[in-house]
Amino acid sequence: MAEEHLTHGWEPDLDAGDSLLRRYVLASADRNAFLATAAGGRHERWPDLAVADPCSPVLFDNAAVLLQPPPYTDLSDAVRRMLGFYPPERHFVFLAAWPTPDLSEAGLHLMGHPPLMLRPAGGTAPPPPPGLRISPVGDRGMLADFVRTLVEGYPMPGAGDTVLADEAVLRGPLRLFVGYVGGEPVATAGARLGHGIVDVEWVSTLPSHRRRGIGAALSWAATLVHRAEPAMLISSDDGRPVYESMGYLNLTRLTMWHRPPVDDAQRP
């Protein structure tokens, strides 16, 4: 009897639902392409790599995603294509779901290995803190509230021109929320939808309103936007206890690199 062939899980033609990690990787690539298109930017995709350039001042908006584990692709060639895609003045992040070799000789700086967390579908959010009103973003004014609060809450000086400021993002797979206290926007969260997962993103709270459960309440709104689908998110180590209290599980750690703008002295 011939031995059964077992997939390694990352062939280009394999169904996206083969694993939750595969869903996350492919959904991230798709949504990055959507944001680049919404901003009038560029994107490109190969079997092993997806790159998107919305020309944003926010480095996390300009994102490349590795689509296959390093053992199954020519990583040096993938890095060459990635560097050739982005103009030298653009900073961007390179996200891999697996450990990678040292890429510093290519001009990339290791940002770290943030936890990727998973929450099974279903459940009910606890009551929000008193005085908090959570509203889905549905128009230009609320989108401006979202961006202004996000930029101040992180903080991200000079990031007001993020791709999220374009109203075109409301006509795609994003669901954004703003938290208001006393009529003033104080917190944000969002979800990126695709391939059967809810990817929670853009959680922020103004410093004046932290430690009141407001950020957790916004995270719940994004987490349960599609109750029948599991939610995933990238956390910081400091943020893990909050998400664990919501039922998120530590799935794995990602690898994140950053290529800062290349000045004239660094160019070949």
Protein backbone atom coordinates (compact mmCIF):
# COMPACT_ATOMS: atom_id res chain seq x y z
CA MET A 1 0.00 0.00 0.00
CA ALA A 2 1.33 3.38 -0.96
CA GLU A 3 2.03 5.73 1.91
CA GLU A 4 -0.57 8.45 2.38
CA HIS A 5 0.62 11.89 1.38
CA LEU A 6 0.18 14.41 4.19
CA THR A 7 0.06 18.10 3.35
CA HIS A 8 2.44 20.39 5.19
CA GLY A 9 -0.43 22.87 5.46
CA TRP A 10 0.91 25.78 3.40
CA GLU A 11 0.65 24.75 -0.26
CA PRO A 12 -0.72 27.71 -2.28
CA ASP A 13 -3.79 25.77 -3.49
CA LEU A 14 -4.68 24.33 -0.08
CA ASP A 15 -8.02 25.38 1.39
CA ALA A 16 -7.70 28.41 3.67
CA GLY A 17 -9.56 26.57 6.40
CA ASP A 18 -6.88 23.90 6.85
CA SER A 19 -5.85 25.54 10.13
CA LEU A 20 -6.71 28.62 12.15
CA LEU A 21 -3.19 29.92 11.69
CA ARG A 22 -3.52 29.58 7.91
CA ARG A 23 -6.81 31.47 8.04
CA TYR A 24 -5.14 34.25 10.00
CA VAL A 25 -2.16 34.54 7.65
CA LEU A 26 -4.26 34.61 4.47
CA ALA A 27 -6.86 36.95 5.95
CA SER A 28 -4.13 39.37 7.01
CA ALA A 29 -2.74 39.43 3.48
CA ASP A 30 -6.21 40.01 1.97
CA ARG A 31 -7.07 42.85 4.31
CA ASN A 32 -3.72 44.56 3.79
CA ALA A 33 -4.44 44.49 0.07
CA PHE A 34 -7.89 45.98 0.68
CA LEU A 35 -6.46 48.86 2.71
CA ALA A 36 -3.84 49.58 0.07
CA THR A 37 -6.53 49.66 -2.62
CA ALA A 38 -8.78 51.90 -0.49
CA ALA A 39 -5.92 54.36 -0.11
CA GLY A 40 -5.00 54.33 -3.79
CA GLY A 41 -1.80 52.44 -3.09
CA ARG A 42 -0.28 49.22 -4.43
CA HIS A 43 -0.22 45.56 -3.52
CA GLU A 44 1.28 42.40 -4.97
CA ARG A 45 1.15 38.71 -4.12
CA TRP A 46 3.17 35.59 -4.82
CA PRO A 47 2.61 32.06 -3.52
CA ASP A 48 4.95 32.75 -0.60
CA LEU A 49 4.65 36.50 0.03
CA ALA A 50 2.04 39.28 0.05
CA VAL A 51 3.03 42.97 0.12
CA ALA A 52 0.83 46.04 0.44
CA ASP A 53 1.78 49.71 0.34
CA PRO A 54 -0.96 52.26 1.10
CA CYS A 55 1.81 54.90 1.43
CA SER A 56 0.88 55.48 5.07
CA PRO A 57 2.93 57.38 7.68
CA VAL A 58 2.01 54.54 10.07
CA LEU A 59 4.50 51.72 9.62
CA PHE A 60 1.96 49.03 10.60
CA ASP A 61 -0.27 50.08 7.68
CA ASN A 62 2.52 49.24 5.21
CA ALA A 63 2.75 45.50 5.72
CA ALA A 64 4.30 42.44 4.13
CA VAL A 65 3.15 38.94 5.16
CA LEU A 66 5.04 35.69 4.65
CA LEU A 67 2.59 33.09 3.30
CA GLN A 68 4.71 29.96 3.67
CA PRO A 69 7.09 28.79 6.42
CA PRO A 70 10.78 29.50 5.76
CA PRO A 71 11.57 25.77 5.17
CA TYR A 72 9.15 25.73 2.22
CA THR A 73 10.23 28.86 0.40
CA ASP A 74 13.35 30.74 -0.62
CA LEU A 75 13.29 33.36 2.11
CA SER A 76 16.24 35.29 0.67
CA ASP A 77 14.38 35.70 -2.60
CA ALA A 78 11.19 36.69 -0.77
CA VAL A 79 13.11 39.41 1.09
CA ARG A 80 14.65 40.58 -2.19
CA ARG A 81 11.18 40.94 -3.75
CA MET A 82 9.86 42.69 -0.67
CA LEU A 83 12.67 45.24 -0.62
CA GLY A 84 12.21 45.81 -4.34
CA PHE A 85 8.50 46.50 -3.87
CA TYR A 86 8.71 49.20 -1.22
CA PRO A 87 10.36 52.53 -2.09
CA PRO A 88 13.42 53.25 0.08
CA GLU A 89 11.72 56.16 1.84
CA ARG A 90 8.86 53.95 3.08
CA HIS A 91 9.03 52.15 6.38
CA PHE A 92 7.10 48.91 6.65
CA VAL A 93 6.64 45.81 8.78
CA PHE A 94 7.28 42.22 7.75
CA LEU A 95 5.13 39.67 9.59
CA ALA A 96 5.88 35.95 9.74
CA ALA A 97 3.88 33.34 11.62
CA TRP A 98 7.11 31.41 12.23
CA PRO A 99 10.66 32.12 13.44
CA THR A 100 12.92 33.43 10.70
CA PRO A 101 16.68 33.63 10.27
CA ASP A 102 18.39 36.91 11.10
CA LEU A 103 17.40 39.47 8.43
CA SER A 104 19.40 42.40 9.78
CA GLU A 105 21.88 42.27 6.89
CA ALA A 106 18.95 43.11 4.58
CA GLY A 107 18.32 46.30 6.58
CA LEU A 108 15.47 44.91 8.70
CA HIS A 109 15.26 45.43 12.45
CA LEU A 110 13.68 42.78 14.68
CA MET A 111 10.71 44.25 16.54
CA GLY A 112 10.03 41.09 18.52
CA HIS A 113 7.79 38.08 18.84
CA PRO A 114 4.32 39.25 19.88
CA PRO A 115 1.77 36.70 21.12
CA LEU A 116 -0.99 35.65 18.73
CA MET A 117 -4.11 34.89 20.76
CA LEU A 118 -7.30 32.99 19.92
CA ARG A 119 -10.78 33.10 21.43
CA PRO A 120 -13.29 30.40 20.44
CA ALA A 121 -16.57 31.57 18.94
CA GLY A 122 -19.56 32.50 21.06
CA GLY A 123 -20.07 33.97 24.48
CA THR A 124 -21.54 37.17 25.84
CA ALA A 125 -19.81 40.39 26.79
CA PRO A 126 -20.12 41.66 30.36
CA PRO A 127 -21.97 44.97 30.90
CA PRO A 128 -19.86 47.99 29.85
CA PRO A 129 -18.62 50.45 32.48
CA PRO A 130 -21.20 53.05 33.55
CA GLY A 131 -21.34 56.05 31.25
CA LEU A 132 -19.67 54.32 28.29
CA ARG A 133 -21.48 54.29 24.95
CA ILE A 134 -20.03 52.07 22.21
CA SER A 135 -20.98 53.01 18.64
CA PRO A 136 -20.13 51.36 15.33
CA VAL A 137 -18.37 53.77 12.97
CA GLY A 138 -20.75 54.51 10.13
CA ASP A 139 -19.92 57.94 8.74
CA ARG A 140 -17.10 60.42 8.12
CA GLY A 141 -17.55 62.22 11.44
CA MET A 142 -17.32 59.08 13.53
CA LEU A 143 -14.36 57.90 11.46
CA ALA A 144 -12.60 61.16 12.31
CA ASP A 145 -13.35 60.50 15.99
CA PHE A 146 -11.91 57.00 15.61
CA VAL A 147 -8.67 58.14 13.99
CA ARG A 148 -8.12 61.09 16.33
CA THR A 149 -8.65 58.91 19.40
CA LEU A 150 -6.48 56.10 18.04
CA VAL A 151 -3.61 58.48 17.23
CA GLU A 152 -3.77 60.10 20.67
CA GLY A 153 -4.39 56.87 22.57
CA TYR A 154 -1.31 54.97 21.39
CA PRO A 155 0.13 57.70 20.90
CA MET A 156 1.21 58.00 17.25
CA PRO A 157 2.31 61.59 16.55
CA GLY A 158 1.93 62.60 12.91
CA ALA A 159 -0.22 59.56 12.10
CA GLY A 160 -3.44 61.42 11.32
CA ASP A 161 -3.04 60.53 7.65
CA THR A 162 -3.26 56.80 8.35
CA VAL A 163 -5.09 54.81 5.69
CA LEU A 164 -7.91 54.39 8.22
CA ALA A 165 -8.79 58.07 7.77
CA ASP A 166 -10.17 57.38 4.28
CA GLU A 167 -13.94 56.80 4.27
CA ALA A 168 -13.40 54.04 1.69
CA VAL A 169 -12.34 51.71 4.53
CA LEU A 170 -15.97 51.63 5.70
CA ARG A 171 -16.99 49.86 2.49
CA GLY A 172 -14.96 46.71 3.08
CA PRO A 173 -14.19 43.95 5.63
CA LEU A 174 -13.52 46.31 8.57
CA ARG A 175 -15.80 46.94 11.52
CA LEU A 176 -14.73 49.89 13.65
CA PHE A 177 -16.02 51.06 17.04
CA VAL A 178 -15.68 54.24 19.10
CA GLY A 179 -16.31 54.49 22.82
CA TYR A 180 -17.84 57.75 24.06
CA VAL A 181 -18.00 59.09 27.62
CA GLY A 182 -19.97 62.27 28.13
CA GLY A 183 -20.25 62.64 24.38
CA GLU A 184 -16.47 62.66 23.88
CA PRO A 185 -14.57 59.87 22.10
CA VAL A 186 -12.20 58.14 24.52
CA ALA A 187 -11.48 54.66 23.11
CA THR A 188 -11.41 52.59 19.92
CA ALA A 189 -11.33 49.04 18.65
CA GLY A 190 -11.87 47.33 15.33
CA ALA A 191 -12.16 43.99 13.63
CA ARG A 192 -10.78 42.80 10.31
CA LEU A 193 -12.99 40.07 8.87
CA GLY A 194 -12.06 37.28 6.48
CA HIS A 195 -11.56 33.54 6.00
CA GLY A 196 -13.85 32.75 8.93
CA ILE A 197 -12.02 34.69 11.64
CA VAL A 198 -12.48 38.01 13.43
CA ASP A 199 -9.08 39.71 13.75
CA VAL A 200 -9.29 42.29 16.56
CA GLU A 201 -7.18 45.39 16.01
CA TRP A 202 -6.79 49.11 16.86
CA VAL A 203 -7.62 48.85 20.56
CA SER A 204 -6.78 52.15 22.23
CA THR A 205 -7.89 54.22 25.21
CA LEU A 206 -7.01 57.81 26.04
CA PRO A 207 -4.66 58.03 29.05
CA SER A 208 -7.29 59.96 31.03
CA HIS A 209 -9.74 57.04 30.82
CA ARG A 210 -7.54 54.01 31.37
CA ARG A 211 -7.93 51.39 34.12
CA ARG A 212 -11.72 51.66 34.04
CA GLY A 213 -12.47 48.64 31.87
CA ILE A 214 -13.18 50.81 28.84
CA GLY A 215 -10.54 49.21 26.62
CA ALA A 216 -11.81 45.75 27.50
CA ALA A 217 -15.37 46.79 26.67
CA LEU A 218 -14.28 48.00 23.22
CA SER A 219 -12.33 44.78 22.73
CA TRP A 220 -15.50 42.82 23.50
CA ALA A 221 -17.44 44.79 20.88
CA ALA A 222 -14.87 43.90 18.21
CA THR A 223 -14.45 40.29 19.40
CA LEU A 224 -18.16 39.51 19.13
CA VAL A 225 -18.89 41.31 15.89
CA HIS A 226 -19.47 37.85 14.34
CA ARG A 227 -20.34 35.61 17.27
CA ALA A 228 -20.25 32.44 15.17
CA GLU A 229 -16.58 32.92 14.26
CA PRO A 230 -13.46 32.68 16.44
CA ALA A 231 -11.52 35.84 17.19
CA MET A 232 -7.77 36.33 17.00
CA LEU A 233 -5.48 39.20 17.89
CA ILE A 234 -1.86 40.20 18.30
CA SER A 235 -1.20 41.16 21.91
CA SER A 236 1.62 42.71 23.86
CA ASP A 237 2.97 40.79 26.83
CA ASP A 238 1.49 43.47 29.12
CA GLY A 239 -1.92 43.13 27.46
CA ARG A 240 -2.15 39.34 27.71
CA PRO A 241 -3.85 39.21 31.13
CA VAL A 242 -6.71 41.41 29.89
CA TYR A 243 -7.34 39.20 26.89
CA GLU A 244 -6.92 36.01 28.90
CA SER A 245 -9.68 37.25 31.22
CA MET A 246 -11.90 37.48 28.12
CA GLY A 247 -11.23 33.84 27.23
CA TYR A 248 -8.40 34.35 24.75
CA LEU A 249 -5.81 31.58 24.59
CA ASN A 250 -2.13 31.94 23.74
CA LEU A 251 -1.79 30.26 20.36
CA THR A 252 1.77 31.02 19.27
CA ARG A 253 4.25 33.87 18.88
CA LEU A 254 4.77 35.69 15.61
CA THR A 255 7.94 37.24 14.24
CA MET A 256 7.82 40.92 13.32
CA TRP A 257 10.51 42.86 11.49
CA HIS A 258 10.67 46.57 10.61
CA ARG A 259 12.43 48.23 7.69
CA PRO A 260 12.91 51.92 8.51
CA PRO A 261 13.27 54.50 5.75
CA VAL A 262 16.60 54.25 3.99
CA ASP A 263 18.47 57.57 3.88
CA ASP A 264 20.83 58.51 1.11
CA ALA A 265 23.89 57.39 3.09
CA GLN A 266 22.50 53.85 3.36
CA ARG A 267 21.49 53.43 -0.27
CA PRO A 268 23.76 51.38 -2.50
